[in-house]
C-alpha atoms as a PDB file:
ATOM      1  CA  MET A   1      33.141 -34.922  28.558  1.00  0.00           C
ATOM      2  CA  SER A   2      36.174 -37.139  28.265  1.00  0.00           C
ATOM      3  CA  THR A   3      36.861 -40.442  26.565  1.00  0.00           C
ATOM      4  CA  PRO A   4      37.807 -43.342  28.913  1.00  0.00           C
ATOM      5  CA  VAL A   5      40.979 -45.214  28.066  1.00  0.00           C
ATOM      6  CA  GLY A   6      40.612 -48.936  27.435  1.00  0.00           C
ATOM      7  CA  THR A   7      42.120 -51.419  29.865  1.00  0.00           C
ATOM      8  CA  GLY A   8      43.726 -53.505  27.153  1.00  0.00           C
ATOM      9  CA  SER A   9      42.117 -56.652  28.554  1.00  0.00           C
ATOM     10  CA  ALA A  10      41.872 -59.457  26.006  1.00  0.00           C
ATOM     11  CA  PRO A  11      38.366 -60.563  25.048  1.00  0.00           C
ATOM     12  CA  PRO A  12      37.429 -63.974  26.473  1.00  0.00           C
ATOM     13  CA  ILE A  13      35.831 -66.760  24.463  1.00  0.00           C
ATOM     14  CA  ALA A  14      32.154 -65.935  24.066  1.00  0.00           C
ATOM     15  CA  VAL A  15      31.007 -68.720  21.737  1.00  0.00           C
ATOM     16  CA  GLU A  16      32.375 -72.133  20.844  1.00  0.00           C
ATOM     17  CA  VAL A  17      31.347 -73.792  17.609  1.00  0.00           C
ATOM     18  CA  VAL A  18      31.026 -77.482  18.437  1.00  0.00           C
ATOM     19  CA  ARG A  19      30.840 -80.152  15.741  1.00  0.00           C
ATOM     20  CA  GLY A  20      30.668 -83.866  16.524  1.00  0.00           C
ATOM     21  CA  GLY A  21      31.436 -83.159  20.163  1.00  0.00           C
ATOM     22  CA  HIS A  22      34.657 -81.257  19.395  1.00  0.00           C
ATOM     23  CA  VAL A  23      35.291 -77.505  19.432  1.00  0.00           C
ATOM     24  CA  GLU A  24      35.803 -76.527  15.799  1.00  0.00           C
ATOM     25  CA  SER A  25      36.294 -72.789  16.272  1.00  0.00           C
ATOM     26  CA  VAL A  26      35.810 -70.040  18.838  1.00  0.00           C
ATOM     27  CA  HIS A  27      34.687 -66.428  18.823  1.00  0.00           C
ATOM     28  CA  ARG A  28      35.841 -63.916  21.439  1.00  0.00           C
ATOM     29  CA  ALA A  29      33.954 -60.839  22.577  1.00  0.00           C
ATOM     30  CA  HIS A  30      34.088 -57.773  24.793  1.00  0.00           C
ATOM     31  CA  VAL A  31      30.932 -56.981  26.797  1.00  0.00           C
ATOM     32  CA  ALA A  32      29.995 -53.873  28.802  1.00  0.00           C
ATOM     33  CA  VAL A  33      27.009 -53.490  31.132  1.00  0.00           C
ATOM     34  CA  VAL A  34      26.421 -49.942  32.398  1.00  0.00           C
ATOM     35  CA  ASP A  35      23.861 -47.687  34.045  1.00  0.00           C
ATOM     36  CA  THR A  36      22.437 -44.468  32.624  1.00  0.00           C
ATOM     37  CA  ASP A  37      25.324 -42.488  34.157  1.00  0.00           C
ATOM     38  CA  GLY A  38      27.826 -44.592  32.220  1.00  0.00           C
ATOM     39  CA  GLU A  39      29.083 -46.433  35.289  1.00  0.00           C
ATOM     40  CA  VAL A  40      30.322 -49.907  34.357  1.00  0.00           C
ATOM     41  CA  LEU A  41      28.379 -52.472  36.380  1.00  0.00           C
ATOM     42  CA  ALA A  42      29.751 -55.659  34.844  1.00  0.00           C
ATOM     43  CA  SER A  43      31.943 -56.634  31.937  1.00  0.00           C
ATOM     44  CA  ALA A  44      33.889 -59.254  30.022  1.00  0.00           C
ATOM     45  CA  GLY A  45      37.158 -58.335  28.391  1.00  0.00           C
ATOM     46  CA  ASP A  46      37.656 -54.574  28.008  1.00  0.00           C
ATOM     47  CA  PRO A  47      34.463 -52.530  28.587  1.00  0.00           C
ATOM     48  CA  HIS A  48      36.191 -49.396  27.316  1.00  0.00           C
ATOM     49  CA  VAL A  49      37.658 -50.846  24.121  1.00  0.00           C
ATOM     50  CA  ALA A  50      37.274 -48.300  21.314  1.00  0.00           C
ATOM     51  CA  ILE A  51      34.999 -49.567  18.545  1.00  0.00           C
ATOM     52  CA  PHE A  52      33.144 -48.369  15.493  1.00  0.00           C
ATOM     53  CA  PRO A  53      29.548 -49.186  16.486  1.00  0.00           C
ATOM     54  CA  ARG A  54      28.513 -49.125  12.826  1.00  0.00           C
ATOM     55  CA  SER A  55      24.744 -49.484  12.425  1.00  0.00           C
ATOM     56  CA  ALA A  56      24.219 -49.863  16.177  1.00  0.00           C
ATOM     57  CA  LEU A  57      24.454 -46.048  16.214  1.00  0.00           C
ATOM     58  CA  LYS A  58      21.336 -45.605  14.083  1.00  0.00           C
ATOM     59  CA  PRO A  59      18.851 -45.159  16.963  1.00  0.00           C
ATOM     60  CA  LEU A  60      21.137 -42.504  18.460  1.00  0.00           C
ATOM     61  CA  PHE A  61      21.399 -40.837  15.048  1.00  0.00           C
ATOM     62  CA  ALA A  62      17.590 -40.775  14.984  1.00  0.00           C
ATOM     63  CA  VAL A  63      17.504 -39.066  18.390  1.00  0.00           C
ATOM     64  CA  ALA A  64      19.961 -36.437  17.198  1.00  0.00           C
ATOM     65  CA  MET A  65      17.910 -35.829  14.065  1.00  0.00           C
ATOM     66  CA  LEU A  66      14.675 -35.466  16.062  1.00  0.00           C
ATOM     67  CA  ASN A  67      16.408 -32.897  18.245  1.00  0.00           C
ATOM     68  CA  ALA A  68      17.459 -31.132  15.029  1.00  0.00           C
ATOM     69  CA  GLY A  69      13.847 -30.885  13.865  1.00  0.00           C
ATOM     70  CA  LEU A  70      13.117 -34.182  12.082  1.00  0.00           C
ATOM     71  CA  GLN A  71       9.416 -34.974  11.910  1.00  0.00           C
ATOM     72  CA  PHE A  72       7.493 -37.927  10.509  1.00  0.00           C
ATOM     73  CA  SER A  73       3.753 -38.449  10.470  1.00  0.00           C
ATOM     74  CA  ARG A  74       4.057 -42.190  11.239  1.00  0.00           C
ATOM     75  CA  THR A  75       5.982 -44.020  13.943  1.00  0.00           C
ATOM     76  CA  ASP A  76       6.977 -46.823  11.566  1.00  0.00           C
ATOM     77  CA  HIS A  77       8.895 -44.186   9.589  1.00  0.00           C
ATOM     78  CA  LEU A  78      10.884 -43.339  12.703  1.00  0.00           C
ATOM     79  CA  ALA A  79      11.531 -47.029  13.436  1.00  0.00           C
ATOM     80  CA  LEU A  80      12.872 -47.427   9.903  1.00  0.00           C
ATOM     81  CA  ALA A  81      15.094 -44.376  10.446  1.00  0.00           C
ATOM     82  CA  ALA A  82      16.721 -46.339  13.294  1.00  0.00           C
ATOM     83  CA  SER A  83      16.928 -49.565  11.313  1.00  0.00           C
ATOM     84  CA  SER A  84      19.127 -51.856   9.320  1.00  0.00           C
ATOM     85  CA  HIS A  85      16.097 -53.186   7.518  1.00  0.00           C
ATOM     86  CA  SER A  86      15.938 -56.445   5.594  1.00  0.00           C
ATOM     87  CA  GLY A  87      14.895 -55.012   2.235  1.00  0.00           C
ATOM     88  CA  GLU A  88      11.529 -56.757   2.331  1.00  0.00           C
ATOM     89  CA  PRO A  89       8.747 -55.112   0.296  1.00  0.00           C
ATOM     90  CA  ILE A  90       7.244 -53.412   3.368  1.00  0.00           C
ATOM     91  CA  HIS A  91      10.601 -51.793   4.122  1.00  0.00           C
ATOM     92  CA  VAL A  92      11.221 -50.552   0.586  1.00  0.00           C
ATOM     93  CA  GLU A  93       7.674 -49.190   0.297  1.00  0.00           C
ATOM     94  CA  THR A  94       8.111 -47.332   3.580  1.00  0.00           C
ATOM     95  CA  VAL A  95      11.414 -45.800   2.460  1.00  0.00           C
ATOM     96  CA  HIS A  96       9.599 -44.467  -0.620  1.00  0.00           C
ATOM     97  CA  ALA A  97       6.853 -43.049   1.622  1.00  0.00           C
ATOM     98  CA  MET A  98       9.396 -41.384   3.913  1.00  0.00           C
ATOM     99  CA  LEU A  99      11.048 -39.701   0.947  1.00  0.00           C
ATOM    100  CA  ALA A 100       7.771 -38.635  -0.633  1.00  0.00           C
ATOM    101  CA  GLU A 101       6.625 -37.036   2.632  1.00  0.00           C
ATOM    102  CA  VAL A 102       9.451 -34.486   2.398  1.00  0.00           C
ATOM    103  CA  GLY A 103       9.422 -34.053  -1.376  1.00  0.00           C
ATOM    104  CA  CYS A 104      12.430 -36.261  -2.088  1.00  0.00           C
ATOM    105  CA  SER A 105      12.855 -39.415  -4.143  1.00  0.00           C
ATOM    106  CA  LYS A 106      15.145 -42.424  -4.285  1.00  0.00           C
ATOM    107  CA  ALA A 107      17.380 -40.429  -6.641  1.00  0.00           C
ATOM    108  CA  ASP A 108      18.321 -38.201  -3.696  1.00  0.00           C
ATOM    109  CA  LEU A 109      19.635 -41.073  -1.567  1.00  0.00           C
ATOM    110  CA  ALA A 110      23.419 -41.141  -1.209  1.00  0.00           C
ATOM    111  CA  ASN A 111      23.845 -44.523   0.456  1.00  0.00           C
ATOM    112  CA  THR A 112      25.639 -47.421  -1.218  1.00  0.00           C
ATOM    113  CA  PRO A 113      23.326 -49.557  -3.403  1.00  0.00           C
ATOM    114  CA  GLY A 114      22.725 -53.060  -2.097  1.00  0.00           C
ATOM    115  CA  TRP A 115      20.697 -56.233  -2.327  1.00  0.00           C
ATOM    116  CA  PRO A 116      17.896 -56.965   0.147  1.00  0.00           C
ATOM    117  CA  TYR A 117      19.491 -58.230   3.379  1.00  0.00           C
ATOM    118  CA  ASP A 118      16.839 -60.905   3.860  1.00  0.00           C
ATOM    119  CA  GLU A 119      17.681 -64.056   1.889  1.00  0.00           C
ATOM    120  CA  ARG A 120      14.134 -64.741   0.713  1.00  0.00           C
ATOM    121  CA  ALA A 121      13.594 -61.129  -0.304  1.00  0.00           C
ATOM    122  CA  ARG A 122      16.959 -61.079  -2.079  1.00  0.00           C
ATOM    123  CA  ILE A 123      16.234 -64.269  -4.064  1.00  0.00           C
ATOM    124  CA  ALA A 124      12.782 -63.009  -5.047  1.00  0.00           C
ATOM    125  CA  TRP A 125      14.181 -59.631  -6.119  1.00  0.00           C
ATOM    126  CA  ILE A 126      16.961 -61.160  -8.222  1.00  0.00           C
ATOM    127  CA  ALA A 127      14.546 -63.707  -9.750  1.00  0.00           C
ATOM    128  CA  ALA A 128      12.348 -60.793 -10.819  1.00  0.00           C
ATOM    129  CA  GLY A 129      15.315 -59.216 -12.600  1.00  0.00           C
ATOM    130  CA  GLY A 130      16.142 -56.705  -9.881  1.00  0.00           C
ATOM    131  CA  ASP A 131      19.586 -55.170  -9.390  1.00  0.00           C
ATOM    132  CA  LYS A 132      21.230 -53.555  -6.396  1.00  0.00           C
ATOM    133  CA  THR A 133      19.429 -50.344  -5.438  1.00  0.00           C
ATOM    134  CA  ARG A 134      19.853 -47.663  -2.810  1.00  0.00           C
ATOM    135  CA  GLU A 135      16.361 -48.190  -1.380  1.00  0.00           C
ATOM    136  CA  HIS A 136      16.851 -51.950  -0.980  1.00  0.00           C
ATOM    137  CA  ALA A 137      20.097 -51.445   0.957  1.00  0.00           C
ATOM    138  CA  ASN A 138      19.657 -51.826   4.708  1.00  0.00           C
ATOM    139  CA  CYS A 139      20.751 -48.253   5.524  1.00  0.00           C
ATOM    140  CA  SER A 140      18.193 -46.504   3.308  1.00  0.00           C
ATOM    141  CA  GLY A 141      15.820 -45.761   6.198  1.00  0.00           C
ATOM    142  CA  LYS A 142      18.542 -43.822   7.986  1.00  0.00           C
ATOM    143  CA  HIS A 143      19.443 -41.988   4.799  1.00  0.00           C
ATOM    144  CA  ALA A 144      15.789 -41.098   4.120  1.00  0.00           C
ATOM    145  CA  ALA A 145      15.661 -39.599   7.617  1.00  0.00           C
ATOM    146  CA  MET A 146      18.893 -37.713   6.969  1.00  0.00           C
ATOM    147  CA  LEU A 147      17.344 -36.184   3.856  1.00  0.00           C
ATOM    148  CA  ALA A 148      14.172 -35.333   5.787  1.00  0.00           C
ATOM    149  CA  THR A 149      16.216 -33.563   8.464  1.00  0.00           C
ATOM    150  CA  CYS A 150      17.951 -31.517   5.788  1.00  0.00           C
ATOM    151  CA  VAL A 151      14.636 -30.538   4.201  1.00  0.00           C
ATOM    152  CA  VAL A 152      13.033 -29.366   7.463  1.00  0.00           C
ATOM    153  CA  ASN A 153      16.082 -27.207   8.224  1.00  0.00           C
ATOM    154  CA  GLY A 154      16.574 -25.861   4.726  1.00  0.00           C
ATOM    155  CA  TRP A 155      20.000 -27.494   4.492  1.00  0.00           C
ATOM    156  CA  PRO A 156      21.362 -28.713   1.139  1.00  0.00           C
ATOM    157  CA  ILE A 157      20.327 -32.283   0.357  1.00  0.00           C
ATOM    158  CA  THR A 158      23.471 -32.775  -1.710  1.00  0.00           C
ATOM    159  CA  GLY A 159      26.548 -33.766   0.238  1.00  0.00           C
ATOM    160  CA  TYR A 160      24.525 -34.558   3.352  1.00  0.00           C
ATOM    161  CA  THR A 161      26.967 -37.316   4.416  1.00  0.00           C
ATOM    162  CA  GLN A 162      30.084 -35.159   4.155  1.00  0.00           C
ATOM    163  CA  PRO A 163      32.079 -33.662   7.052  1.00  0.00           C
ATOM    164  CA  GLY A 164      31.246 -29.984   7.365  1.00  0.00           C
ATOM    165  CA  HIS A 165      27.625 -30.435   6.300  1.00  0.00           C
ATOM    166  CA  PRO A 166      25.315 -29.020   9.001  1.00  0.00           C
ATOM    167  CA  LEU A 167      23.530 -32.360   9.282  1.00  0.00           C
ATOM    168  CA  VAL A 168      26.757 -34.197  10.149  1.00  0.00           C
ATOM    169  CA  SER A 169      27.601 -31.504  12.707  1.00  0.00           C
ATOM    170  CA  ALA A 170      24.149 -31.833  14.300  1.00  0.00           C
ATOM    171  CA  ILE A 171      24.427 -35.634  14.476  1.00  0.00           C
ATOM    172  CA  ALA A 172      27.926 -35.448  15.980  1.00  0.00           C
ATOM    173  CA  SER A 173      26.812 -33.006  18.661  1.00  0.00           C
ATOM    174  CA  GLY A 174      23.757 -35.081  19.541  1.00  0.00           C
ATOM    175  CA  LEU A 175      25.668 -38.353  19.574  1.00  0.00           C
ATOM    176  CA  ALA A 176      28.363 -36.978  21.888  1.00  0.00           C
ATOM    177  CA  SER A 177      25.657 -35.903  24.321  1.00  0.00           C
ATOM    178  CA  GLU A 178      23.925 -39.300  24.244  1.00  0.00           C
ATOM    179  CA  VAL A 179      27.047 -41.404  24.810  1.00  0.00           C
ATOM    180  CA  GLY A 180      28.775 -38.979  27.163  1.00  0.00           C
ATOM    181  CA  VAL A 181      32.203 -38.792  25.529  1.00  0.00           C
ATOM    182  CA  ASP A 182      34.116 -36.483  23.220  1.00  0.00           C
ATOM    183  CA  LEU A 183      34.205 -37.561  19.587  1.00  0.00           C
ATOM    184  CA  ALA A 184      37.193 -37.602  17.281  1.00  0.00           C
ATOM    185  CA  PRO A 185      36.678 -36.798  13.573  1.00  0.00           C
ATOM    186  CA  PRO A 186      34.517 -39.489  11.942  1.00  0.00           C
ATOM    187  CA  ALA A 187      35.436 -42.343   9.652  1.00  0.00           C
ATOM    188  CA  ILE A 188      33.166 -43.474   6.812  1.00  0.00           C
ATOM    189  CA  ASP A 189      30.664 -46.290   7.340  1.00  0.00           C
ATOM    190  CA  GLY A 190      29.863 -48.861   4.679  1.00  0.00           C
ATOM    191  CA  CYS A 191      26.833 -46.892   3.515  1.00  0.00           C
ATOM    192  CA  GLY A 192      28.856 -43.683   3.087  1.00  0.00           C
ATOM    193  CA  ALA A 193      27.573 -41.946   6.227  1.00  0.00           C
ATOM    194  CA  PRO A 194      29.933 -40.868   9.025  1.00  0.00           C
ATOM    195  CA  VAL A 195      30.693 -43.257  11.905  1.00  0.00           C
ATOM    196  CA  TRP A 196      32.513 -42.372  15.109  1.00  0.00           C
ATOM    197  CA  LEU A 197      34.949 -44.390  17.214  1.00  0.00           C
ATOM    198  CA  ILE A 198      33.667 -44.640  20.800  1.00  0.00           C
ATOM    199  CA  PRO A 199      34.263 -46.864  23.845  1.00  0.00           C
ATOM    200  CA  LEU A 200      32.037 -49.930  24.122  1.00  0.00           C
ATOM    201  CA  ALA A 201      30.707 -48.729  27.487  1.00  0.00           C
ATOM    202  CA  ALA A 202      29.721 -45.404  25.920  1.00  0.00           C
ATOM    203  CA  LEU A 203      27.591 -47.234  23.365  1.00  0.00           C
ATOM    204  CA  ALA A 204      25.938 -49.164  26.194  1.00  0.00           C
ATOM    205  CA  THR A 205      25.331 -45.852  27.992  1.00  0.00           C
ATOM    206  CA  GLY A 206      23.536 -44.403  24.984  1.00  0.00           C
ATOM    207  CA  PHE A 207      21.210 -47.405  24.901  1.00  0.00           C
ATOM    208  CA  ALA A 208      20.589 -47.341  28.662  1.00  0.00           C
ATOM    209  CA  ARG A 209      19.458 -43.732  28.283  1.00  0.00           C
ATOM    210  CA  LEU A 210      17.432 -44.533  25.178  1.00  0.00           C
ATOM    211  CA  ALA A 211      15.449 -47.311  26.877  1.00  0.00           C
ATOM    212  CA  ASN A 212      14.828 -45.342  30.067  1.00  0.00           C
ATOM    213  CA  ALA A 213      14.188 -41.848  28.768  1.00  0.00           C
ATOM    214  CA  ALA A 214      11.651 -39.492  30.278  1.00  0.00           C
ATOM    215  CA  PRO A 215       8.278 -39.201  28.513  1.00  0.00           C
ATOM    216  CA  GLY A 216       8.178 -36.649  25.739  1.00  0.00           C
ATOM    217  CA  THR A 217      11.911 -36.688  25.060  1.00  0.00           C
ATOM    218  CA  SER A 218      13.336 -37.529  21.656  1.00  0.00           C
ATOM    219  CA  GLU A 219      14.943 -40.623  23.194  1.00  0.00           C
ATOM    220  CA  GLN A 220      11.581 -41.871  24.417  1.00  0.00           C
ATOM    221  CA  VAL A 221       9.937 -41.209  21.047  1.00  0.00           C
ATOM    222  CA  VAL A 222      12.612 -43.218  19.185  1.00  0.00           C
ATOM    223  CA  ALA A 223      12.575 -46.049  21.742  1.00  0.00           C
ATOM    224  CA  ASP A 224       8.792 -46.351  21.582  1.00  0.00           C
ATOM    225  CA  ALA A 225       8.815 -46.394  17.785  1.00  0.00           C
ATOM    226  CA  MET A 226      11.354 -49.231  17.834  1.00  0.00           C
ATOM    227  CA  ARG A 227       9.422 -51.197  20.459  1.00  0.00           C
ATOM    228  CA  THR A 228       6.162 -50.737  18.558  1.00  0.00           C
ATOM    229  CA  HIS A 229       7.621 -51.700  15.171  1.00  0.00           C
ATOM    230  CA  PRO A 230      10.494 -54.167  15.790  1.00  0.00           C
ATOM    231  CA  GLU A 231       9.948 -55.696  12.349  1.00  0.00           C
ATOM    232  CA  PHE A 232      11.019 -52.350  10.868  1.00  0.00           C
ATOM    233  CA  VAL A 233      14.184 -52.171  12.992  1.00  0.00           C
ATOM    234  CA  GLY A 234      15.306 -55.517  11.539  1.00  0.00           C
ATOM    235  CA  GLY A 235      12.892 -57.636   9.565  1.00  0.00           C
ATOM    236  CA  THR A 236      10.314 -60.382   9.847  1.00  0.00           C
ATOM    237  CA  ARG A 237      13.116 -62.978  10.087  1.00  0.00           C
ATOM    238  CA  ARG A 238      15.769 -61.161  12.157  1.00  0.00           C
ATOM    239  CA  ASP A 239      17.219 -61.907  15.584  1.00  0.00           C
ATOM    240  CA  VAL A 240      17.142 -58.237  16.669  1.00  0.00           C
ATOM    241  CA  THR A 241      13.393 -58.212  16.018  1.00  0.00           C
ATOM    242  CA  VAL A 242      12.932 -61.361  18.111  1.00  0.00           C
ATOM    243  CA  ILE A 243      14.844 -59.794  21.010  1.00  0.00           C
ATOM    244  CA  MET A 244      12.531 -56.783  21.132  1.00  0.00           C
ATOM    245  CA  ARG A 245       9.390 -58.860  20.660  1.00  0.00           C
ATOM    246  CA  ASN A 246      10.324 -61.346  23.389  1.00  0.00           C
ATOM    247  CA  LEU A 247      11.710 -58.892  25.966  1.00  0.00           C
ATOM    248  CA  PRO A 248       9.159 -56.149  26.718  1.00  0.00           C
ATOM    249  CA  GLY A 249      10.717 -52.748  27.184  1.00  0.00           C
ATOM    250  CA  VAL A 250      14.058 -53.656  25.624  1.00  0.00           C
ATOM    251  CA  VAL A 251      15.482 -51.578  22.769  1.00  0.00           C
ATOM    252  CA  ALA A 252      18.112 -53.405  20.697  1.00  0.00           C
ATOM    253  CA  LYS A 253      20.152 -52.766  17.577  1.00  0.00           C
ATOM    254  CA  ASP A 254      22.764 -54.772  15.712  1.00  0.00           C
ATOM    255  CA  GLY A 255      25.698 -53.372  13.761  1.00  0.00           C
ATOM    256  CA  ALA A 256      28.199 -54.614  11.212  1.00  0.00           C
ATOM    257  CA  ASP A 257      31.470 -56.249  12.238  1.00  0.00           C
ATOM    258  CA  GLY A 258      30.159 -57.919  15.361  1.00  0.00           C
ATOM    259  CA  VAL A 259      28.479 -55.098  17.291  1.00  0.00           C
ATOM    260  CA  TYR A 260      25.238 -55.304  19.277  1.00  0.00           C
ATOM    261  CA  ALA A 261      23.676 -52.957  21.821  1.00  0.00           C
ATOM    262  CA  ALA A 262      20.569 -53.138  23.989  1.00  0.00           C
ATOM    263  CA  GLY A 263      18.884 -50.860  26.486  1.00  0.00           C
ATOM    264  CA  LEU A 264      17.087 -52.654  29.314  1.00  0.00           C
ATOM    265  CA  PRO A 265      14.004 -51.243  31.081  1.00  0.00           C
ATOM    266  CA  ASP A 266      15.696 -51.504  34.494  1.00  0.00           C
ATOM    267  CA  GLY A 267      18.110 -48.686  33.673  1.00  0.00           C
ATOM    268  CA  ARG A 268      20.996 -50.700  32.272  1.00  0.00           C
ATOM    269  CA  GLY A 269      22.606 -50.820  28.858  1.00  0.00           C
ATOM    270  CA  VAL A 270      24.519 -53.727  27.324  1.00  0.00           C
ATOM    271  CA  ALA A 271      26.962 -53.548  24.433  1.00  0.00           C
ATOM    272  CA  VAL A 272      28.862 -56.362  22.734  1.00  0.00           C
ATOM    273  CA  LYS A 273      31.763 -56.421  20.288  1.00  0.00           C
ATOM    274  CA  VAL A 274      32.679 -59.780  18.722  1.00  0.00           C
ATOM    275  CA  GLU A 275      36.398 -59.417  18.157  1.00  0.00           C
ATOM    276  CA  ASP A 276      36.636 -61.128  14.772  1.00  0.00           C
ATOM    277  CA  GLY A 277      33.774 -59.031  13.402  1.00  0.00           C
ATOM    278  CA  GLY A 278      31.912 -62.082  12.146  1.00  0.00           C
ATOM    279  CA  THR A 279      28.132 -62.186  12.138  1.00  0.00           C
ATOM    280  CA  ARG A 280      27.888 -65.903  12.890  1.00  0.00           C
ATOM    281  CA  ALA A 281      28.535 -65.522  16.621  1.00  0.00           C
ATOM    282  CA  MET A 282      26.551 -62.329  17.145  1.00  0.00           C
ATOM    283  CA  PRO A 283      23.106 -63.756  18.020  1.00  0.00           C
ATOM    284  CA  ALA A 284      24.459 -66.291  20.524  1.00  0.00           C
ATOM    285  CA  THR A 285      26.817 -63.720  22.033  1.00  0.00           C
ATOM    286  CA  VAL A 286      24.226 -61.017  22.624  1.00  0.00           C
ATOM    287  CA  ALA A 287      21.663 -63.549  23.877  1.00  0.00           C
ATOM    288  CA  ALA A 288      24.176 -65.001  26.333  1.00  0.00           C
ATOM    289  CA  ALA A 289      25.213 -61.523  27.477  1.00  0.00           C
ATOM    290  CA  LEU A 290      21.588 -60.557  28.111  1.00  0.00           C
ATOM    291  CA  ILE A 291      20.930 -63.809  29.964  1.00  0.00           C
ATOM    292  CA  ALA A 292      24.050 -63.175  32.055  1.00  0.00           C
ATOM    293  CA  ALA A 293      22.656 -59.733  32.819  1.00  0.00           C
ATOM    294  CA  GLY A 294      19.497 -61.358  34.201  1.00  0.00           C
ATOM    295  CA  MET A 295      17.124 -61.358  31.233  1.00  0.00           C
ATOM    296  CA  SER A 296      14.827 -64.301  30.544  1.00  0.00           C
ATOM    297  CA  ALA A 297      16.680 -67.348  29.226  1.00  0.00           C
ATOM    298  CA  ASP A 298      13.437 -68.805  27.863  1.00  0.00           C
ATOM    299  CA  ALA A 299      12.699 -65.623  25.907  1.00  0.00           C
ATOM    300  CA  LEU A 300      16.221 -65.564  24.485  1.00  0.00           C
ATOM    301  CA  THR A 301      16.564 -69.254  23.600  1.00  0.00           C
ATOM    302  CA  PRO A 302      15.484 -68.649  19.963  1.00  0.00           C
ATOM    303  CA  VAL A 303      18.270 -66.073  19.616  1.00  0.00           C
ATOM    304  CA  LEU A 304      20.824 -68.182  21.466  1.00  0.00           C
ATOM    305  CA  GLU A 305      20.148 -70.982  18.973  1.00  0.00           C
ATOM    306  CA  TRP A 306      19.758 -68.705  15.935  1.00  0.00           C
ATOM    307  CA  GLU A 307      22.802 -69.956  14.025  1.00  0.00           C
ATOM    308  CA  LYS A 308      22.891 -73.696  13.398  1.00  0.00           C
ATOM    309  CA  VAL A 309      25.837 -76.070  13.027  1.00  0.00           C
ATOM    310  CA  LEU A 310      24.733 -78.338  10.185  1.00  0.00           C
ATOM    311  CA  GLY A 311      25.998 -81.354   8.312  1.00  0.00           C
ATOM    312  CA  GLY A 312      24.100 -82.585   5.278  1.00  0.00           C
ATOM    313  CA  GLY A 313      21.314 -80.201   6.178  1.00  0.00           C
ATOM    314  CA  GLU A 314      20.837 -81.790   9.616  1.00  0.00           C
ATOM    315  CA  PRO A 315      22.055 -80.695  13.081  1.00  0.00           C
ATOM    316  CA  ALA A 316      25.696 -81.690  13.514  1.00  0.00           C
ATOM    317  CA  GLY A 317      26.676 -79.635  16.540  1.00  0.00           C
ATOM    318  CA  GLU A 318      25.883 -76.416  18.377  1.00  0.00           C
ATOM    319  CA  MET A 319      26.894 -72.840  19.039  1.00  0.00           C
ATOM    320  CA  ARG A 320      27.832 -73.009  22.727  1.00  0.00           C
ATOM    321  CA  ALA A 321      27.756 -69.728  24.661  1.00  0.00           C
ATOM    322  CA  ARG A 322      30.498 -69.294  27.279  1.00  0.00           C
ATOM    323  CA  ILE A 323      30.038 -65.739  28.512  1.00  0.00           C
ATOM    324  CA  THR A 324      30.981 -64.795  32.072  1.00  0.00           C
ATOM    325  CA  LEU A 325      30.348 -61.263  33.290  1.00  0.00           C
ATOM    326  CA  THR A 326      32.380 -59.984  36.206  1.00  0.00           C
ATOM    327  CA  SER A 327      30.751 -57.358  38.388  1.00  0.00           C
ATOM    328  CA  ALA A 328      32.531 -54.064  38.897  1.00  0.00           C
ATOM    329  CA  THR A 329      31.625 -54.211  42.601  1.00  0.00           C
ATOM    330  CA  PRO A 330      32.700 -56.955  45.024  1.00  0.00           C
ATOM    331  CA  HIS A 331      30.403 -59.822  46.002  1.00  0.00           C
ATOM    332  CA  SER A 332      27.916 -59.386  43.136  1.00  0.00           C
ATOM    333  CA  ALA A 333      29.452 -61.060  40.112  1.00  0.00           C
ATOM    334  CA  THR A 334      26.998 -61.979  37.402  1.00  0.00           C
ATOM    335  CA  THR A 335      27.868 -65.063  35.421  1.00  0.00           C
ATOM    336  CA  GLN A 336      26.529 -67.256  32.680  1.00  0.00           C
ATOM    337  CA  SER A 337      28.028 -70.563  31.644  1.00  0.00           C
ATOM    338  CA  ASP A 338      26.870 -72.906  29.002  1.00  0.00           C
END
C-alpha cells in the first residue's frame, strides 16, 4: 500500500449562506467520489487531501474490531459501536447494556465526558440536574465496543486508547486494509481515542467497500447494522439518520471538523471535507455532493435544507449549495448547481 499525494487544488465554494438576497458567507469543500478499488471517479478540489476523518472512521473501527473478535448479541449494539450518538435515553441505555454484556461498567470508559449531543436531550438532562458523563458523550458507543474487544481477547481494559496497546494495533491494521493506504502514527481524537491522517479518497474507498461488501463479511455485518438502526448511528433528529432512512442501501457517517462519508449501493463511495471545519455547512454540502453523484434530490431535500438562515425566528435566507463534481474521465462530468 502507498499513500497518494494530494494535488494541492484549492477547495471550491460548496455552500453560500444567503441573507436578504445577498451572500453573507461561504463555505468551501473538497469532495472525492471513488469506486471500491479506490479509483477516483469524480471530485471537487483535491480528492487526495490528507484529513483527519474523526468520527467518520467509526464504522471502519467497528469492522476492524469485529475482525479482532468483537461480538455483540444485538445488532443495535453494533450500530452504536459505529455511531456518534445523540445522547438520547435510548442511546445511553444501550451503552450500559453493551458494557454489562462483557462485564464492564461506565467506570471503565476512557472517553472524554460530555453533554448529550441532541439539544432536547441535553436540556432535559441539565434540567434534571445531570452533569457531563462519559456515557452521554457521543463516542461512548465506540468506546464500549473497544472495551468489549479487549475483554474477548483477554487484553487489558486499562490504557485501551494508548499507542502500543494491542487493541490500537489491531484497529490500525484493519483500518489500513479497509482504506488501502499506509498509516502514519496516530494523533489523538477529541474523545481520547487514536485517529489517523488519511487521504479523502481513501476514506471514500473504505465506505464504498463497506456498503458493497460480500455477505458474511465483517463489513457487511457493520453496514447492515447501520442500515437497520440509523437512529443509533446518529439520533432521532440527525441528518445522518435521515440520509440512511431516505436512501436505501446507503451507509453514511459524519465526523467532527466538517467530515462526511457515504457508501452507495452502486459500488461508489463519497467523502467530503468542509475546509473551515464548521458543522453549519455539512448537511447541505454532503446532500449536494450526493445529488451531484446521482442520488435522489427529493430524498435529500430535507438534508439540503437542514440548516436554516433565520431572522427573528423566521426564514431570512437560505443555504445555497454550489457543488460541481468533475469526472476523472473525459465526456462524463457530473455536476450539480443550485
